[in-house]
Protein backbone atom coordinates (compact mmCIF):
# COMPACT_ATOMS: atom_id res chain seq x y z
CA MET A 1 0.00 0.00 0.00
CA GLU A 2 1.29 3.47 -0.80
CA ASN A 3 1.57 6.09 1.90
CA PRO A 4 -1.67 7.90 2.70
CA VAL A 5 -2.31 11.52 1.89
CA ILE A 6 -3.82 12.89 5.09
CA PHE A 7 -6.05 15.93 4.73
CA SER A 8 -5.76 18.25 7.72
CA ALA A 9 -8.92 20.14 6.77
CA PRO A 10 -11.84 19.63 4.39
CA ILE A 11 -10.81 19.98 0.75
CA SER A 12 -12.91 21.14 -2.17
CA PHE A 13 -14.37 18.87 -4.83
CA ALA A 14 -16.46 20.82 -7.32
CA PRO A 15 -19.04 19.58 -7.75
CA VAL A 16 -19.33 17.34 -4.70
CA ILE A 17 -19.37 13.69 -5.79
CA SER A 18 -22.35 11.72 -4.47
CA PHE A 19 -21.23 8.38 -5.93
CA ALA A 20 -18.93 6.88 -8.53
CA LYS A 21 -18.09 3.45 -9.92
CA VAL A 22 -14.47 2.41 -9.29
CA ALA A 23 -12.65 0.06 -11.63
CA CYS A 24 -12.10 -3.33 -9.99
CA ALA A 25 -11.92 -6.93 -11.21
CA VAL A 26 -14.27 -9.08 -9.12
CA GLN A 27 -14.80 -12.82 -9.52
CA LEU A 28 -18.44 -12.65 -8.54
CA SER A 29 -19.32 -16.35 -8.45
CA VAL A 30 -16.22 -17.12 -6.36
CA LEU A 31 -16.95 -14.18 -4.08
CA GLN A 32 -20.57 -15.26 -3.62
CA HIS A 33 -19.55 -18.81 -2.75
CA GLU A 34 -16.98 -17.48 -0.28
CA VAL A 35 -19.54 -15.27 1.44
CA ASP A 36 -22.14 -18.05 1.49
CA GLN A 37 -19.74 -20.03 3.69
CA LEU A 38 -19.56 -17.10 6.11
CA VAL A 39 -23.30 -16.93 6.69
CA GLN A 40 -22.83 -19.58 9.41
CA ASN A 41 -20.46 -17.28 11.33
CA PRO A 42 -21.77 -15.11 14.19
CA TRP A 43 -22.99 -11.79 12.78
CA VAL A 44 -23.91 -8.88 15.05
CA ASP A 45 -26.88 -6.54 14.76
CA HIS A 46 -26.04 -3.02 13.68
CA VAL A 47 -25.79 -0.88 16.81
CA ASN A 48 -27.61 2.19 15.44
CA LYS A 49 -31.05 0.67 15.91
CA LYS A 50 -32.86 3.97 15.42
CA ASP A 51 -31.52 4.14 11.86
CA TYR A 52 -33.21 1.03 10.47
CA GLU A 53 -36.24 -1.23 10.51
CA GLY A 54 -36.07 -4.99 10.02
CA GLY A 55 -32.80 -6.92 10.05
CA TRP A 56 -29.41 -5.28 9.44
CA ASP A 57 -26.32 -7.07 10.69
CA VAL A 58 -22.56 -7.11 10.25
CA LEU A 59 -19.64 -9.53 10.05
CA PRO A 60 -16.36 -7.67 10.81
CA LEU A 61 -13.38 -8.45 8.56
CA ARG A 62 -10.84 -5.81 9.64
CA CYS A 63 -10.62 -3.83 12.86
CA GLN A 64 -8.25 -1.74 14.90
CA ARG A 65 -5.45 -3.78 16.44
CA GLN A 66 -6.61 -3.03 19.98
CA HIS A 67 -9.89 -4.87 19.27
CA LEU A 68 -8.47 -8.02 17.63
CA ASN A 69 -9.58 -10.17 20.57
CA ALA A 70 -12.59 -8.09 21.57
CA HIS A 71 -16.31 -8.68 21.12
CA PRO A 72 -17.46 -8.43 17.45
CA ILE A 73 -19.45 -5.29 18.32
CA LEU A 74 -16.19 -3.49 19.12
CA GLN A 75 -14.52 -4.99 16.05
CA GLY A 76 -17.32 -3.80 13.80
CA PHE A 77 -18.25 -0.43 15.25
CA ALA A 78 -15.46 1.01 17.44
CA ILE A 79 -14.00 3.57 15.04
CA ALA A 80 -11.38 5.95 16.40
CA GLU A 81 -8.39 7.84 15.09
CA GLY A 82 -5.35 5.75 14.28
CA GLU A 83 -3.63 3.75 11.57
CA ASP A 84 -3.29 0.35 13.26
CA TRP A 85 -5.84 -1.73 11.33
CA GLU A 86 -5.51 -5.48 10.88
CA ASN A 87 -7.33 -8.35 9.21
CA LEU A 88 -9.39 -10.57 11.45
CA PRO A 89 -8.75 -14.36 11.27
CA VAL A 90 -11.88 -14.91 9.17
CA LEU A 91 -10.10 -13.29 6.21
CA GLU A 92 -7.58 -16.12 6.08
CA HIS A 93 -10.30 -18.12 4.34
CA CYS A 94 -11.44 -15.33 1.99
CA PRO A 95 -9.08 -15.09 -1.02
CA ALA A 96 -11.73 -13.45 -3.22
CA ILE A 97 -12.18 -10.63 -0.71
CA ALA A 98 -8.41 -10.34 -0.31
CA ALA A 99 -8.11 -10.01 -4.10
CA ILE A 100 -10.36 -6.94 -3.95
CA PHE A 101 -8.29 -5.43 -1.15
CA ASN A 102 -5.11 -6.02 -3.14
CA GLN A 103 -6.40 -3.89 -6.01
CA LEU A 104 -6.88 -0.86 -3.77
CA GLN A 105 -3.74 1.25 -3.85
CA CYS A 106 -4.74 3.12 -0.71
CA PRO A 107 -4.68 2.41 3.03
CA ILE A 108 -7.64 0.26 4.12
CA LYS A 109 -9.16 0.88 7.52
CA ALA A 110 -12.31 -0.99 8.55
CA ALA A 111 -13.93 -3.68 6.40
CA ARG A 112 -17.02 -5.77 7.01
CA LEU A 113 -19.86 -7.64 5.37
CA MET A 114 -23.22 -5.93 5.87
CA ARG A 115 -26.49 -7.80 5.41
CA LEU A 116 -29.80 -6.02 4.95
CA LYS A 117 -32.45 -8.67 5.31
CA ALA A 118 -35.43 -9.06 3.02
CA GLY A 119 -38.04 -6.38 3.69
CA ALA A 120 -35.69 -4.24 5.80
CA GLU A 121 -34.80 -0.61 5.31
CA ILE A 122 -32.07 1.78 6.42
CA LYS A 123 -33.65 5.13 7.22
CA PRO A 124 -32.31 8.43 5.86
CA HIS A 125 -29.22 9.43 7.83
CA ARG A 126 -25.69 10.82 7.48
CA ASP A 127 -22.27 9.58 8.59
CA ASN A 128 -20.76 12.96 9.35
CA GLU A 129 -17.46 13.80 7.60
CA LEU A 130 -17.16 10.41 5.88
CA SER A 131 -16.42 11.50 2.32
CA LEU A 132 -13.58 12.54 0.02
CA GLU A 133 -13.83 16.09 1.27
CA PHE A 134 -12.69 14.87 4.70
CA GLY A 135 -10.03 12.45 3.46
CA GLU A 136 -12.18 9.33 3.86
CA ALA A 137 -13.91 7.04 1.38
CA ARG A 138 -16.53 4.35 1.94
CA LEU A 139 -16.63 1.70 -0.79
CA HIS A 140 -19.30 -0.93 -1.43
CA VAL A 141 -19.23 -4.18 -3.41
CA PRO A 142 -22.71 -5.71 -3.71
CA ILE A 143 -22.37 -9.49 -3.44
CA HIS A 144 -25.95 -10.66 -3.16
CA THR A 145 -28.44 -8.07 -4.37
CA SER A 146 -31.39 -7.61 -6.72
CA ALA A 147 -33.35 -5.02 -8.66
CA ASP A 148 -35.57 -4.73 -5.58
CA VAL A 149 -32.76 -3.09 -3.58
CA SER A 150 -32.59 0.71 -3.75
CA PHE A 151 -29.51 2.59 -2.47
CA ILE A 152 -30.25 6.31 -2.50
CA VAL A 153 -27.75 9.13 -1.83
CA ASP A 154 -28.75 12.80 -1.90
CA ASN A 155 -32.07 11.75 -3.50
CA LYS A 156 -30.24 9.94 -6.32
CA THR A 157 -30.29 6.15 -6.77
CA ILE A 158 -26.91 4.45 -7.21
CA PRO A 159 -27.17 1.89 -10.06
CA MET A 160 -25.21 -0.73 -8.11
CA ARG A 161 -25.04 -4.24 -9.51
CA ALA A 162 -23.49 -7.34 -7.98
CA GLY A 163 -19.74 -7.55 -8.43
CA GLU A 164 -19.17 -3.80 -8.91
CA LEU A 165 -17.13 -1.48 -6.68
CA TRP A 166 -18.74 1.85 -5.78
CA TYR A 167 -17.79 4.91 -3.75
CA PHE A 168 -20.58 6.87 -2.13
CA ASN A 169 -20.57 10.08 -0.13
CA ALA A 170 -21.69 8.96 3.33
CA ASP A 171 -21.62 12.56 4.55
CA GLN A 172 -24.71 13.15 2.42
CA VAL A 173 -28.13 11.87 3.43
CA HIS A 174 -28.53 8.26 2.29
CA GLU A 175 -31.04 5.45 2.69
CA VAL A 176 -31.42 1.85 1.54
CA TYR A 177 -34.51 -0.30 0.93
CA ASN A 178 -34.59 -4.05 0.38
CA ARG A 179 -38.04 -4.69 -1.04
CA GLY A 180 -37.03 -8.10 -2.35
CA SER A 181 -37.44 -11.60 -0.95
CA GLU A 182 -33.70 -12.28 -0.52
CA ASP A 183 -31.14 -10.78 1.84
CA ARG A 184 -28.77 -8.18 0.41
CA ILE A 185 -25.09 -8.60 1.38
CA ASN A 186 -22.46 -5.95 0.58
CA LEU A 187 -18.74 -5.83 1.26
CA VAL A 188 -18.10 -2.42 2.84
CA ILE A 189 -14.58 -0.97 2.96
CA ASP A 190 -13.47 2.28 4.62
CA CYS A 191 -10.30 3.74 3.13
CA VAL A 192 -8.02 6.73 3.37
CA ALA A 193 -8.77 8.87 0.31
CA ASN A 194 -5.26 9.25 -1.07
CA GLU A 195 -4.40 10.69 -4.49
CA TRP A 196 -4.80 7.34 -6.29
CA LEU A 197 -8.28 6.71 -4.90
CA CYS A 198 -9.45 10.26 -5.54
CA GLU A 199 -8.38 9.91 -9.19
CA GLN A 200 -10.21 6.58 -9.50
CA ILE A 201 -13.37 8.07 -8.05
CA ARG A 202 -13.27 11.16 -10.25
CA ALA A 203 -12.84 8.91 -13.31
CA GLY A 204 -15.87 6.85 -12.32
CA VAL A 205 -18.42 9.63 -11.94
CA LEU A 206 -21.45 8.88 -14.13
CA GLN A 207 -22.17 11.59 -16.68
């Protein structure tokens, strides 16, 4: 991984990018099979219960070093300043996920699988200062999804399809609805927005 570019203050992107597709080679069928094996692992309910209705849970994949042996809630949700992030043991059996990580030429912080169960919804909310403008980037790879899943950012629907890598501006109001009959599972990766990643995101903005 190349050295991060740390932004000491918000920087200007004109116009502000709500979402963008990032180039990434994903072996979808292999990735889906890999994740299907992880469904038997202990997942934890998302802690922000006021922000959703129905089932929304998480399987942590990377966490801060201080939480390597902690409860999965701390591994999945304890986000503080620092650069000491490590893979959890579960990733030793996830080469398809590791292959995605290896294509990202930027420092990776937290990573987890997030499952929005059939019929569930994530209510409109913001993750303050989690966007390029603040030196952070949240990336999603839909693994199991359908046309009945709507991911909306700043009143615009992201045309996410399974096996694609997307950046979205979590500092803007966003909401997700799973109106289908199957659970939606996304790989979610939080990264430092260095120069390489910013260029990839700018190049992937839909015209």
